[in-house]
Amino acid sequence: MEGYAKLMIVTMVVAGLALGSGPMVANGQKVCGMNKEGFKACQPSVTAGNASPPPPSAACCMALNEADLTCLCFFKNSKWMNDYGIDFNRAKDLPVQCNLAKSFNC
């Protein structure tokens, strides 16, 4: 469950980026324990339009380490993931790539 939560955080990061300072991450608020900067740090690694996304940055992994992964699992089938170009499979792989989990399932 922890891995899934981290995936959802990544998803929220990308959505937060797409929304700018919109309702998901506004005025320094956090979503599932991640702030806007954390979402931005992970965005390049989960963008659906990038055929060869880079591995998560150290900043992304630090943000994921602080995230409430269980919270993020609630966004797995959210329509906005597609709307904001978030590749769910890439997002769910981030905790493993950051060595935060051995596997990831929601």
PDB file of N, CA and C in Angstrom:
ATOM      1  N   MET A   1       0.831  -1.188   0.000  1.00  0.00           N
ATOM      2  CA  MET A   1       0.000   0.000   0.000  1.00  0.00           C
ATOM      3  C   MET A   1       0.873   1.247   0.000  1.00  0.00           C
ATOM      4  N   GLU A   2       2.017   1.176   0.645  1.00  0.00           N
ATOM      5  CA  GLU A   2       2.898   2.345   0.719  1.00  0.00           C
ATOM      6  C   GLU A   2       3.359   2.756  -0.669  1.00  0.00           C
ATOM      7  N   GLY A   3       3.691   1.797  -1.510  1.00  0.00           N
ATOM      8  CA  GLY A   3       4.123   2.105  -2.866  1.00  0.00           C
ATOM      9  C   GLY A   3       3.022   2.768  -3.664  1.00  0.00           C
ATOM     10  N   TYR A   4       1.823   2.315  -3.501  1.00  0.00           N
ATOM     11  CA  TYR A   4       0.709   2.899  -4.246  1.00  0.00           C
ATOM     12  C   TYR A   4       0.522   4.355  -3.850  1.00  0.00           C
ATOM     13  N   ALA A   5       0.678   4.607  -2.597  1.00  0.00           N
ATOM     14  CA  ALA A   5       0.512   5.978  -2.113  1.00  0.00           C
ATOM     15  C   ALA A   5       1.553   6.872  -2.757  1.00  0.00           C
ATOM     16  N   LYS A   6       2.760   6.374  -2.884  1.00  0.00           N
ATOM     17  CA  LYS A   6       3.797   7.174  -3.518  1.00  0.00           C
ATOM     18  C   LYS A   6       3.457   7.419  -4.975  1.00  0.00           C
ATOM     19  N   LEU A   7       2.875   6.468  -5.617  1.00  0.00           N
ATOM     20  CA  LEU A   7       2.451   6.657  -6.993  1.00  0.00           C
ATOM     21  C   LEU A   7       1.424   7.762  -7.070  1.00  0.00           C
ATOM     22  N   MET A   8       0.515   7.759  -6.169  1.00  0.00           N
ATOM     23  CA  MET A   8      -0.522   8.762  -6.190  1.00  0.00           C
ATOM     24  C   MET A   8       0.064  10.135  -5.934  1.00  0.00           C
ATOM     25  N   ILE A   9       1.106  10.188  -5.149  1.00  0.00           N
ATOM     26  CA  ILE A   9       1.764  11.460  -4.895  1.00  0.00           C
ATOM     27  C   ILE A   9       2.329  11.995  -6.189  1.00  0.00           C
ATOM     28  N   VAL A  10       2.968  11.130  -6.924  1.00  0.00           N
ATOM     29  CA  VAL A  10       3.531  11.540  -8.198  1.00  0.00           C
ATOM     30  C   VAL A  10       2.418  12.032  -9.104  1.00  0.00           C
ATOM     31  N   THR A  11       1.328  11.335  -9.094  1.00  0.00           N
ATOM     32  CA  THR A  11       0.187  11.730  -9.889  1.00  0.00           C
ATOM     33  C   THR A  11      -0.302  13.110  -9.468  1.00  0.00           C
ATOM     34  N   MET A  12      -0.363  13.321  -8.191  1.00  0.00           N
ATOM     35  CA  MET A  12      -0.797  14.605  -7.684  1.00  0.00           C
ATOM     36  C   MET A  12       0.203  15.696  -8.059  1.00  0.00           C
ATOM     37  N   VAL A  13       1.474  15.325  -8.095  1.00  0.00           N
ATOM     38  CA  VAL A  13       2.521  16.285  -8.465  1.00  0.00           C
ATOM     39  C   VAL A  13       2.255  16.785  -9.868  1.00  0.00           C
ATOM     40  N   VAL A  14       2.061  15.878 -10.770  1.00  0.00           N
ATOM     41  CA  VAL A  14       1.833  16.260 -12.152  1.00  0.00           C
ATOM     42  C   VAL A  14       0.548  17.069 -12.275  1.00  0.00           C
ATOM     43  N   ALA A  15      -0.471  16.656 -11.582  1.00  0.00           N
ATOM     44  CA  ALA A  15      -1.729  17.394 -11.631  1.00  0.00           C
ATOM     45  C   ALA A  15      -1.540  18.785 -11.033  1.00  0.00           C
ATOM     46  N   GLY A  16      -0.796  18.852  -9.961  1.00  0.00           N
ATOM     47  CA  GLY A  16      -0.527  20.144  -9.354  1.00  0.00           C
ATOM     48  C   GLY A  16       0.226  21.060 -10.298  1.00  0.00           C
ATOM     49  N   LEU A  17       1.137  20.492 -11.060  1.00  0.00           N
ATOM     50  CA  LEU A  17       1.872  21.277 -12.038  1.00  0.00           C
ATOM     51  C   LEU A  17       0.940  21.771 -13.127  1.00  0.00           C
ATOM     52  N   ALA A  18       0.097  20.885 -13.589  1.00  0.00           N
ATOM     53  CA  ALA A  18      -0.813  21.251 -14.660  1.00  0.00           C
ATOM     54  C   ALA A  18      -1.785  22.332 -14.205  1.00  0.00           C
ATOM     55  N   LEU A  19      -2.128  22.296 -12.950  1.00  0.00           N
ATOM     56  CA  LEU A  19      -3.061  23.272 -12.417  1.00  0.00           C
ATOM     57  C   LEU A  19      -2.368  24.545 -11.959  1.00  0.00           C
ATOM     58  N   GLY A  20      -1.057  24.537 -11.982  1.00  0.00           N
ATOM     59  CA  GLY A  20      -0.330  25.691 -11.481  1.00  0.00           C
ATOM     60  C   GLY A  20      -0.529  25.781  -9.988  1.00  0.00           C
ATOM     61  N   SER A  21      -1.039  26.866  -9.541  1.00  0.00           N
ATOM     62  CA  SER A  21      -1.328  27.003  -8.112  1.00  0.00           C
ATOM     63  C   SER A  21      -2.817  26.818  -7.873  1.00  0.00           C
ATOM     64  N   GLY A  22      -3.393  25.953  -8.659  1.00  0.00           N
ATOM     65  CA  GLY A  22      -4.824  25.697  -8.588  1.00  0.00           C
ATOM     66  C   GLY A  22      -5.255  25.048  -7.297  1.00  0.00           C
ATOM     67  N   PRO A  23      -6.438  24.479  -7.275  1.00  0.00           N
ATOM     68  CA  PRO A  23      -7.038  23.990  -6.045  1.00  0.00           C
ATOM     69  C   PRO A  23      -6.319  22.805  -5.417  1.00  0.00           C
ATOM     70  N   MET A  24      -5.511  22.086  -6.170  1.00  0.00           N
ATOM     71  CA  MET A  24      -4.895  20.897  -5.603  1.00  0.00           C
ATOM     72  C   MET A  24      -3.735  21.250  -4.681  1.00  0.00           C
ATOM     73  N   VAL A  25      -2.889  22.192  -5.085  1.00  0.00           N
ATOM     74  CA  VAL A  25      -1.726  22.556  -4.296  1.00  0.00           C
ATOM     75  C   VAL A  25      -1.598  24.076  -4.355  1.00  0.00           C
ATOM     76  N   ALA A  26      -2.250  24.739  -3.459  1.00  0.00           N
ATOM     77  CA  ALA A  26      -2.256  26.195  -3.508  1.00  0.00           C
ATOM     78  C   ALA A  26      -1.767  26.799  -2.197  1.00  0.00           C
ATOM     79  N   ASN A  27      -1.148  27.942  -2.307  1.00  0.00           N
ATOM     80  CA  ASN A  27      -0.740  28.716  -1.141  1.00  0.00           C
ATOM     81  C   ASN A  27       0.038  27.905  -0.120  1.00  0.00           C
ATOM     82  N   GLY A  28       0.974  27.093  -0.568  1.00  0.00           N
ATOM     83  CA  GLY A  28       1.808  26.317   0.334  1.00  0.00           C
ATOM     84  C   GLY A  28       1.128  25.114   0.949  1.00  0.00           C
ATOM     85  N   GLN A  29      -0.096  24.824   0.548  1.00  0.00           N
ATOM     86  CA  GLN A  29      -0.798  23.669   1.086  1.00  0.00           C
ATOM     87  C   GLN A  29      -0.209  22.392   0.502  1.00  0.00           C
ATOM     88  N   LYS A  30      -0.486  21.296   1.160  1.00  0.00           N
ATOM     89  CA  LYS A  30       0.003  20.000   0.709  1.00  0.00           C
ATOM     90  C   LYS A  30      -1.162  19.093   0.350  1.00  0.00           C
ATOM     91  N   VAL A  31      -0.897  18.198  -0.595  1.00  0.00           N
ATOM     92  CA  VAL A  31      -1.839  17.160  -0.970  1.00  0.00           C
ATOM     93  C   VAL A  31      -1.159  15.838  -0.670  1.00  0.00           C
ATOM     94  N   CYS A  32      -1.751  15.066   0.192  1.00  0.00           N
ATOM     95  CA  CYS A  32      -1.185  13.781   0.600  1.00  0.00           C
ATOM     96  C   CYS A  32       0.260  13.942   1.077  1.00  0.00           C
ATOM     97  N   GLY A  33       0.533  15.036   1.735  1.00  0.00           N
ATOM     98  CA  GLY A  33       1.856  15.264   2.302  1.00  0.00           C
ATOM     99  C   GLY A  33       2.879  15.842   1.343  1.00  0.00           C
ATOM    100  N   MET A  34       2.489  16.132   0.110  1.00  0.00           N
ATOM    101  CA  MET A  34       3.423  16.698  -0.870  1.00  0.00           C
ATOM    102  C   MET A  34       3.002  18.118  -1.225  1.00  0.00           C
ATOM    103  N   ASN A  35       3.992  18.991  -1.331  1.00  0.00           N
ATOM    104  CA  ASN A  35       3.708  20.360  -1.741  1.00  0.00           C
ATOM    105  C   ASN A  35       3.957  20.524  -3.240  1.00  0.00           C
ATOM    106  N   LYS A  36       3.708  21.704  -3.742  1.00  0.00           N
ATOM    107  CA  LYS A  36       3.825  21.972  -5.173  1.00  0.00           C
ATOM    108  C   LYS A  36       5.244  21.694  -5.685  1.00  0.00           C
ATOM    109  N   GLU A  37       6.240  22.054  -4.911  1.00  0.00           N
ATOM    110  CA  GLU A  37       7.623  21.829  -5.325  1.00  0.00           C
ATOM    111  C   GLU A  37       7.920  20.342  -5.472  1.00  0.00           C
ATOM    112  N   GLY A  38       7.376  19.540  -4.565  1.00  0.00           N
ATOM    113  CA  GLY A  38       7.567  18.097  -4.654  1.00  0.00           C
ATOM    114  C   GLY A  38       6.940  17.526  -5.912  1.00  0.00           C
ATOM    115  N   PHE A  39       5.734  18.007  -6.227  1.00  0.00           N
ATOM    116  CA  PHE A  39       5.065  17.554  -7.438  1.00  0.00           C
ATOM    117  C   PHE A  39       5.862  17.946  -8.676  1.00  0.00           C
ATOM    118  N   LYS A  40       6.368  19.164  -8.688  1.00  0.00           N
ATOM    119  CA  LYS A  40       7.155  19.640  -9.835  1.00  0.00           C
ATOM    120  C   LYS A  40       8.416  18.810 -10.016  1.00  0.00           C
ATOM    121  N   ALA A  41       9.022  18.411  -8.912  1.00  0.00           N
ATOM    122  CA  ALA A  41      10.252  17.628  -8.984  1.00  0.00           C
ATOM    123  C   ALA A  41      10.018  16.263  -9.639  1.00  0.00           C
ATOM    124  N   CYS A  42       8.834  15.713  -9.469  1.00  0.00           N
ATOM    125  CA  CYS A  42       8.523  14.384 -10.012  1.00  0.00           C
ATOM    126  C   CYS A  42       7.913  14.430 -11.409  1.00  0.00           C
ATOM    127  N   GLN A  43       7.389  15.552 -11.811  1.00  0.00           N
ATOM    128  CA  GLN A  43       6.650  15.679 -13.056  1.00  0.00           C
ATOM    129  C   GLN A  43       7.369  15.126 -14.285  1.00  0.00           C
ATOM    130  N   PRO A  44       8.645  15.418 -14.510  1.00  0.00           N
ATOM    131  CA  PRO A  44       9.282  14.919 -15.736  1.00  0.00           C
ATOM    132  C   PRO A  44       9.280  13.386 -15.849  1.00  0.00           C
ATOM    133  N   SER A  45       9.287  12.718 -14.715  1.00  0.00           N
ATOM    134  CA  SER A  45       9.363  11.252 -14.715  1.00  0.00           C
ATOM    135  C   SER A  45       8.039  10.555 -14.940  1.00  0.00           C
ATOM    136  N   VAL A  46       6.931  11.278 -14.900  1.00  0.00           N
ATOM    137  CA  VAL A  46       5.613  10.641 -15.018  1.00  0.00           C
ATOM    138  C   VAL A  46       4.760  11.181 -16.157  1.00  0.00           C
ATOM    139  N   THR A  47       5.309  12.090 -16.934  1.00  0.00           N
ATOM    140  CA  THR A  47       4.551  12.683 -18.024  1.00  0.00           C
ATOM    141  C   THR A  47       4.299  11.654 -19.115  1.00  0.00           C
ATOM    142  N   ALA A  48       3.056  11.485 -19.490  1.00  0.00           N
ATOM    143  CA  ALA A  48       2.679  10.481 -20.490  1.00  0.00           C
ATOM    144  C   ALA A  48       3.252  10.797 -21.865  1.00  0.00           C
ATOM    145  N   GLY A  49       3.413  12.060 -22.202  1.00  0.00           N
ATOM    146  CA  GLY A  49       3.872  12.450 -23.528  1.00  0.00           C
ATOM    147  C   GLY A  49       5.356  12.256 -23.770  1.00  0.00           C
ATOM    148  N   ASN A  50       6.121  11.919 -22.752  1.00  0.00           N
ATOM    149  CA  ASN A  50       7.561  11.751 -22.888  1.00  0.00           C
ATOM    150  C   ASN A  50       7.882  10.275 -23.109  1.00  0.00           C
ATOM    151  N   ALA A  51       8.394   9.947 -24.307  1.00  0.00           N
ATOM    152  CA  ALA A  51       8.681   8.543 -24.633  1.00  0.00           C
ATOM    153  C   ALA A  51       9.817   7.966 -23.781  1.00  0.00           C
ATOM    154  N   SER A  52      10.745   8.802 -23.359  1.00  0.00           N
ATOM    155  CA  SER A  52      11.881   8.351 -22.542  1.00  0.00           C
ATOM    156  C   SER A  52      12.019   9.257 -21.324  1.00  0.00           C
ATOM    157  N   PRO A  53      11.158   9.074 -20.345  1.00  0.00           N
ATOM    158  CA  PRO A  53      11.219   9.953 -19.178  1.00  0.00           C
ATOM    159  C   PRO A  53      12.492   9.720 -18.368  1.00  0.00           C
ATOM    160  N   PRO A  54      13.006  10.759 -17.744  1.00  0.00           N
ATOM    161  CA  PRO A  54      14.194  10.608 -16.907  1.00  0.00           C
ATOM    162  C   PRO A  54      13.835   9.896 -15.608  1.00  0.00           C
ATOM    163  N   PRO A  55      14.826   9.331 -14.944  1.00  0.00           N
ATOM    164  CA  PRO A  55      14.551   8.742 -13.632  1.00  0.00           C
ATOM    165  C   PRO A  55      14.182   9.860 -12.654  1.00  0.00           C
ATOM    166  N   PRO A  56      13.545   9.516 -11.554  1.00  0.00           N
ATOM    167  CA  PRO A  56      13.177  10.553 -10.589  1.00  0.00           C
ATOM    168  C   PRO A  56      14.419  11.224 -10.015  1.00  0.00           C
ATOM    169  N   SER A  57      14.317  12.523  -9.798  1.00  0.00           N
ATOM    170  CA  SER A  57      15.420  13.284  -9.217  1.00  0.00           C
ATOM    171  C   SER A  57      15.487  13.034  -7.709  1.00  0.00           C
ATOM    172  N   ALA A  58      16.591  13.453  -7.117  1.00  0.00           N
ATOM    173  CA  ALA A  58      16.730  13.340  -5.666  1.00  0.00           C
ATOM    174  C   ALA A  58      15.621  14.135  -4.970  1.00  0.00           C
ATOM    175  N   ALA A  59      15.291  15.296  -5.521  1.00  0.00           N
ATOM    176  CA  ALA A  59      14.219  16.115  -4.940  1.00  0.00           C
ATOM    177  C   ALA A  59      12.871  15.396  -5.005  1.00  0.00           C
ATOM    178  N   CYS A  60      12.627  14.706  -6.106  1.00  0.00           N
ATOM    179  CA  CYS A  60      11.392  13.934  -6.246  1.00  0.00           C
ATOM    180  C   CYS A  60      11.345  12.825  -5.196  1.00  0.00           C
ATOM    181  N   CYS A  61      12.425  12.103  -5.064  1.00  0.00           N
ATOM    182  CA  CYS A  61      12.469  10.996  -4.099  1.00  0.00           C
ATOM    183  C   CYS A  61      12.308  11.496  -2.670  1.00  0.00           C
ATOM    184  N   MET A  62      12.898  12.652  -2.364  1.00  0.00           N
ATOM    185  CA  MET A  62      12.731  13.232  -1.029  1.00  0.00           C
ATOM    186  C   MET A  62      11.269  13.580  -0.787  1.00  0.00           C
ATOM    187  N   ALA A  63      10.618  14.137  -1.798  1.00  0.00           N
ATOM    188  CA  ALA A  63       9.204  14.487  -1.671  1.00  0.00           C
ATOM    189  C   ALA A  63       8.358  13.237  -1.470  1.00  0.00           C
ATOM    190  N   LEU A  64       8.646  12.185  -2.218  1.00  0.00           N
ATOM    191  CA  LEU A  64       7.900  10.938  -2.088  1.00  0.00           C
ATOM    192  C   LEU A  64       8.107  10.309  -0.716  1.00  0.00           C
ATOM    193  N   ASN A  65       9.296  10.452  -0.188  1.00  0.00           N
ATOM    194  CA  ASN A  65       9.602   9.882   1.119  1.00  0.00           C
ATOM    195  C   ASN A  65       8.757  10.517   2.214  1.00  0.00           C
ATOM    196  N   GLU A  66       8.364  11.758   2.027  1.00  0.00           N
ATOM    197  CA  GLU A  66       7.552  12.476   3.007  1.00  0.00           C
ATOM    198  C   GLU A  66       6.057  12.325   2.749  1.00  0.00           C
ATOM    199  N   ALA A  67       5.700  11.719   1.652  1.00  0.00           N
ATOM    200  CA  ALA A  67       4.297  11.656   1.243  1.00  0.00           C
ATOM    201  C   ALA A  67       3.495  10.608   2.011  1.00  0.00           C
ATOM    202  N   ASP A  68       2.204  10.846   2.072  1.00  0.00           N
ATOM    203  CA  ASP A  68       1.253   9.880   2.624  1.00  0.00           C
ATOM    204  C   ASP A  68       0.784   9.018   1.459  1.00  0.00           C
ATOM    205  N   LEU A  69       1.445   7.892   1.275  1.00  0.00           N
ATOM    206  CA  LEU A  69       1.191   7.053   0.115  1.00  0.00           C
ATOM    207  C   LEU A  69      -0.211   6.467   0.097  1.00  0.00           C
ATOM    208  N   THR A  70      -0.721   6.129   1.244  1.00  0.00           N
ATOM    209  CA  THR A  70      -2.067   5.579   1.314  1.00  0.00           C
ATOM    210  C   THR A  70      -3.078   6.584   0.772  1.00  0.00           C
ATOM    211  N   CYS A  71      -2.880   7.819   1.092  1.00  0.00           N
ATOM    212  CA  CYS A  71      -3.762   8.888   0.612  1.00  0.00           C
ATOM    213  C   CYS A  71      -3.777   8.947  -0.907  1.00  0.00           C
ATOM    214  N   LEU A  72      -2.625   8.794  -1.511  1.00  0.00           N
ATOM    215  CA  LEU A  72      -2.514   8.939  -2.954  1.00  0.00           C
ATOM    216  C   LEU A  72      -3.201   7.827  -3.734  1.00  0.00           C
ATOM    217  N   CYS A  73      -3.362   6.676  -3.118  1.00  0.00           N
ATOM    218  CA  CYS A  73      -4.021   5.556  -3.795  1.00  0.00           C
ATOM    219  C   CYS A  73      -5.453   5.892  -4.203  1.00  0.00           C
ATOM    220  N   PHE A  74      -6.056   6.837  -3.532  1.00  0.00           N
ATOM    221  CA  PHE A  74      -7.431   7.219  -3.847  1.00  0.00           C
ATOM    222  C   PHE A  74      -7.558   7.866  -5.219  1.00  0.00           C
ATOM    223  N   PHE A  75      -6.444   8.286  -5.803  1.00  0.00           N
ATOM    224  CA  PHE A  75      -6.476   8.971  -7.089  1.00  0.00           C
ATOM    225  C   PHE A  75      -6.153   8.049  -8.264  1.00  0.00           C
ATOM    226  N   LYS A  76      -5.983   6.772  -8.000  1.00  0.00           N
ATOM    227  CA  LYS A  76      -5.564   5.816  -9.032  1.00  0.00           C
ATOM    228  C   LYS A  76      -6.414   5.883 -10.295  1.00  0.00           C
ATOM    229  N   ASN A  77      -7.689   5.882 -10.172  1.00  0.00           N
ATOM    230  CA  ASN A  77      -8.576   5.867 -11.340  1.00  0.00           C
ATOM    231  C   ASN A  77      -9.215   7.224 -11.620  1.00  0.00           C
ATOM    232  N   SER A  78      -8.598   8.252 -11.116  1.00  0.00           N
ATOM    233  CA  SER A  78      -9.139   9.592 -11.295  1.00  0.00           C
ATOM    234  C   SER A  78      -8.995  10.047 -12.741  1.00  0.00           C
ATOM    235  N   LYS A  79     -10.025  10.653 -13.263  1.00  0.00           N
ATOM    236  CA  LYS A  79     -10.028  11.151 -14.638  1.00  0.00           C
ATOM    237  C   LYS A  79      -8.956  12.202 -14.859  1.00  0.00           C
ATOM    238  N   TRP A  80      -8.655  12.982 -13.846  1.00  0.00           N
ATOM    239  CA  TRP A  80      -7.689  14.050 -14.049  1.00  0.00           C
ATOM    240  C   TRP A  80      -6.285  13.551 -14.330  1.00  0.00           C
ATOM    241  N   MET A  81      -5.983  12.314 -13.990  1.00  0.00           N
ATOM    242  CA  MET A  81      -4.649  11.775 -14.327  1.00  0.00           C
ATOM    243  C   MET A  81      -4.449  11.833 -15.837  1.00  0.00           C
ATOM    244  N   ASN A  82      -5.435  11.388 -16.589  1.00  0.00           N
ATOM    245  CA  ASN A  82      -5.360  11.467 -18.048  1.00  0.00           C
ATOM    246  C   ASN A  82      -5.444  12.909 -18.517  1.00  0.00           C
ATOM    247  N   ASP A  83      -6.313  13.683 -17.893  1.00  0.00           N
ATOM    248  CA  ASP A  83      -6.484  15.076 -18.283  1.00  0.00           C
ATOM    249  C   ASP A  83      -5.180  15.866 -18.176  1.00  0.00           C
ATOM    250  N   TYR A  84      -4.366  15.526 -17.209  1.00  0.00           N
ATOM    251  CA  TYR A  84      -3.112  16.248 -16.985  1.00  0.00           C
ATOM    252  C   TYR A  84      -1.877  15.510 -17.494  1.00  0.00           C
ATOM    253  N   GLY A  85      -2.094  14.456 -18.278  1.00  0.00           N
ATOM    254  CA  GLY A  85      -0.983  13.760 -18.918  1.00  0.00           C
ATOM    255  C   GLY A  85      -0.115  12.942 -17.991  1.00  0.00           C
ATOM    256  N   ILE A  86      -0.680  12.408 -16.949  1.00  0.00           N
ATOM    257  CA  ILE A  86       0.073  11.593 -16.004  1.00  0.00           C
ATOM    258  C   ILE A  86      -0.049  10.129 -16.388  1.00  0.00           C
ATOM    259  N   ASP A  87       1.080   9.484 -16.554  1.00  0.00           N
ATOM    260  CA  ASP A  87       1.113   8.057 -16.844  1.00  0.00           C
ATOM    261  C   ASP A  87       1.117   7.315 -15.505  1.00  0.00           C
ATOM    262  N   PHE A  88       0.001   6.678 -15.186  1.00  0.00           N
ATOM    263  CA  PHE A  88      -0.136   6.008 -13.889  1.00  0.00           C
ATOM    264  C   PHE A  88       0.947   4.961 -13.672  1.00  0.00           C
ATOM    265  N   ASN A  89       1.267   4.192 -14.693  1.00  0.00           N
ATOM    266  CA  ASN A  89       2.283   3.147 -14.534  1.00  0.00           C
ATOM    267  C   ASN A  89       3.648   3.730 -14.221  1.00  0.00           C
ATOM    268  N   ARG A  90       3.976   4.841 -14.830  1.00  0.00           N
ATOM    269  CA  ARG A  90       5.251   5.497 -14.522  1.00  0.00           C
ATOM    270  C   ARG A  90       5.236   6.024 -13.094  1.00  0.00           C
ATOM    271  N   ALA A  91       4.125   6.597 -12.710  1.00  0.00           N
ATOM    272  CA  ALA A  91       4.012   7.151 -11.366  1.00  0.00           C
ATOM    273  C   ALA A  91       4.152   6.059 -10.314  1.00  0.00           C
ATOM    274  N   LYS A  92       3.518   4.926 -10.554  1.00  0.00           N
ATOM    275  CA  LYS A  92       3.580   3.863  -9.550  1.00  0.00           C
ATOM    276  C   LYS A  92       4.957   3.231  -9.443  1.00  0.00           C
ATOM    277  N   ASP A  93       5.795   3.437 -10.436  1.00  0.00           N
ATOM    278  CA  ASP A  93       7.158   2.898 -10.384  1.00  0.00           C
ATOM    279  C   ASP A  93       8.121   3.792  -9.615  1.00  0.00           C
ATOM    280  N   LEU A  94       7.751   5.029  -9.353  1.00  0.00           N
ATOM    281  CA  LEU A  94       8.673   5.953  -8.700  1.00  0.00           C
ATOM    282  C   LEU A  94       9.141   5.503  -7.318  1.00  0.00           C
ATOM    283  N   PRO A  95       8.273   4.987  -6.448  1.00  0.00           N
ATOM    284  CA  PRO A  95       8.776   4.549  -5.137  1.00  0.00           C
ATOM    285  C   PRO A  95       9.854   3.469  -5.256  1.00  0.00           C
ATOM    286  N   VAL A  96       9.708   2.593  -6.218  1.00  0.00           N
ATOM    287  CA  VAL A  96      10.717   1.547  -6.428  1.00  0.00           C
ATOM    288  C   VAL A  96      11.994   2.173  -6.969  1.00  0.00           C
ATOM    289  N   GLN A  97      11.854   3.091  -7.934  1.00  0.00           N
ATOM    290  CA  GLN A  97      13.020   3.751  -8.504  1.00  0.00           C
ATOM    291  C   GLN A  97      13.763   4.587  -7.466  1.00  0.00           C
ATOM    292  N   CYS A  98      13.049   5.081  -6.491  1.00  0.00           N
ATOM    293  CA  CYS A  98      13.656   5.878  -5.414  1.00  0.00           C
ATOM    294  C   CYS A  98      14.140   5.007  -4.251  1.00  0.00           C
ATOM    295  N   ASN A  99      14.014   3.701  -4.396  1.00  0.00           N
ATOM    296  CA  ASN A  99      14.389   2.754  -3.338  1.00  0.00           C
ATOM    297  C   ASN A  99      13.598   2.978  -2.044  1.00  0.00           C
ATOM    298  N   LEU A 100      12.346   3.351  -2.195  1.00  0.00           N
ATOM    299  CA  LEU A 100      11.467   3.566  -1.067  1.00  0.00           C
ATOM    300  C   LEU A 100      10.550   2.364  -0.824  1.00  0.00           C
ATOM    301  N   ALA A 101      10.453   1.497  -1.807  1.00  0.00           N
ATOM    302  CA  ALA A 101       9.615   0.300  -1.708  1.00  0.00           C
ATOM    303  C   ALA A 101      10.161  -0.737  -2.676  1.00  0.00           C
ATOM    304  N   LYS A 102       9.957  -2.014  -2.348  1.00  0.00           N
ATOM    305  CA  LYS A 102      10.400  -3.084  -3.244  1.00  0.00           C
ATOM    306  C   LYS A 102       9.403  -3.301  -4.361  1.00  0.00           C
ATOM    307  N   SER A 103       8.149  -3.023  -4.112  1.00  0.00           N
ATOM    308  CA  SER A 103       7.115  -3.141  -5.116  1.00  0.00           C
ATOM    309  C   SER A 103       6.017  -2.139  -4.770  1.00  0.00           C
ATOM    310  N   PHE A 104       5.120  -1.970  -5.719  1.00  0.00           N
ATOM    311  CA  PHE A 104       4.075  -0.984  -5.503  1.00  0.00           C
ATOM    312  C   PHE A 104       2.737  -1.525  -5.972  1.00  0.00           C
ATOM    313  N   ASN A 105       1.778  -1.568  -5.089  1.00  0.00           N
ATOM    314  CA  ASN A 105       0.426  -2.011  -5.416  1.00  0.00           C
ATOM    315  C   ASN A 105      -0.572  -1.180  -4.641  1.00  0.00           C
ATOM    316  N   CYS A 106      -1.699  -0.920  -5.281  1.00  0.00           N
ATOM    317  CA  CYS A 106      -2.786  -0.219  -4.576  1.00  0.00           C
ATOM    318  C   CYS A 106      -3.903  -1.196  -4.302  1.00  0.00           C
TER     319      CYS A 106
END
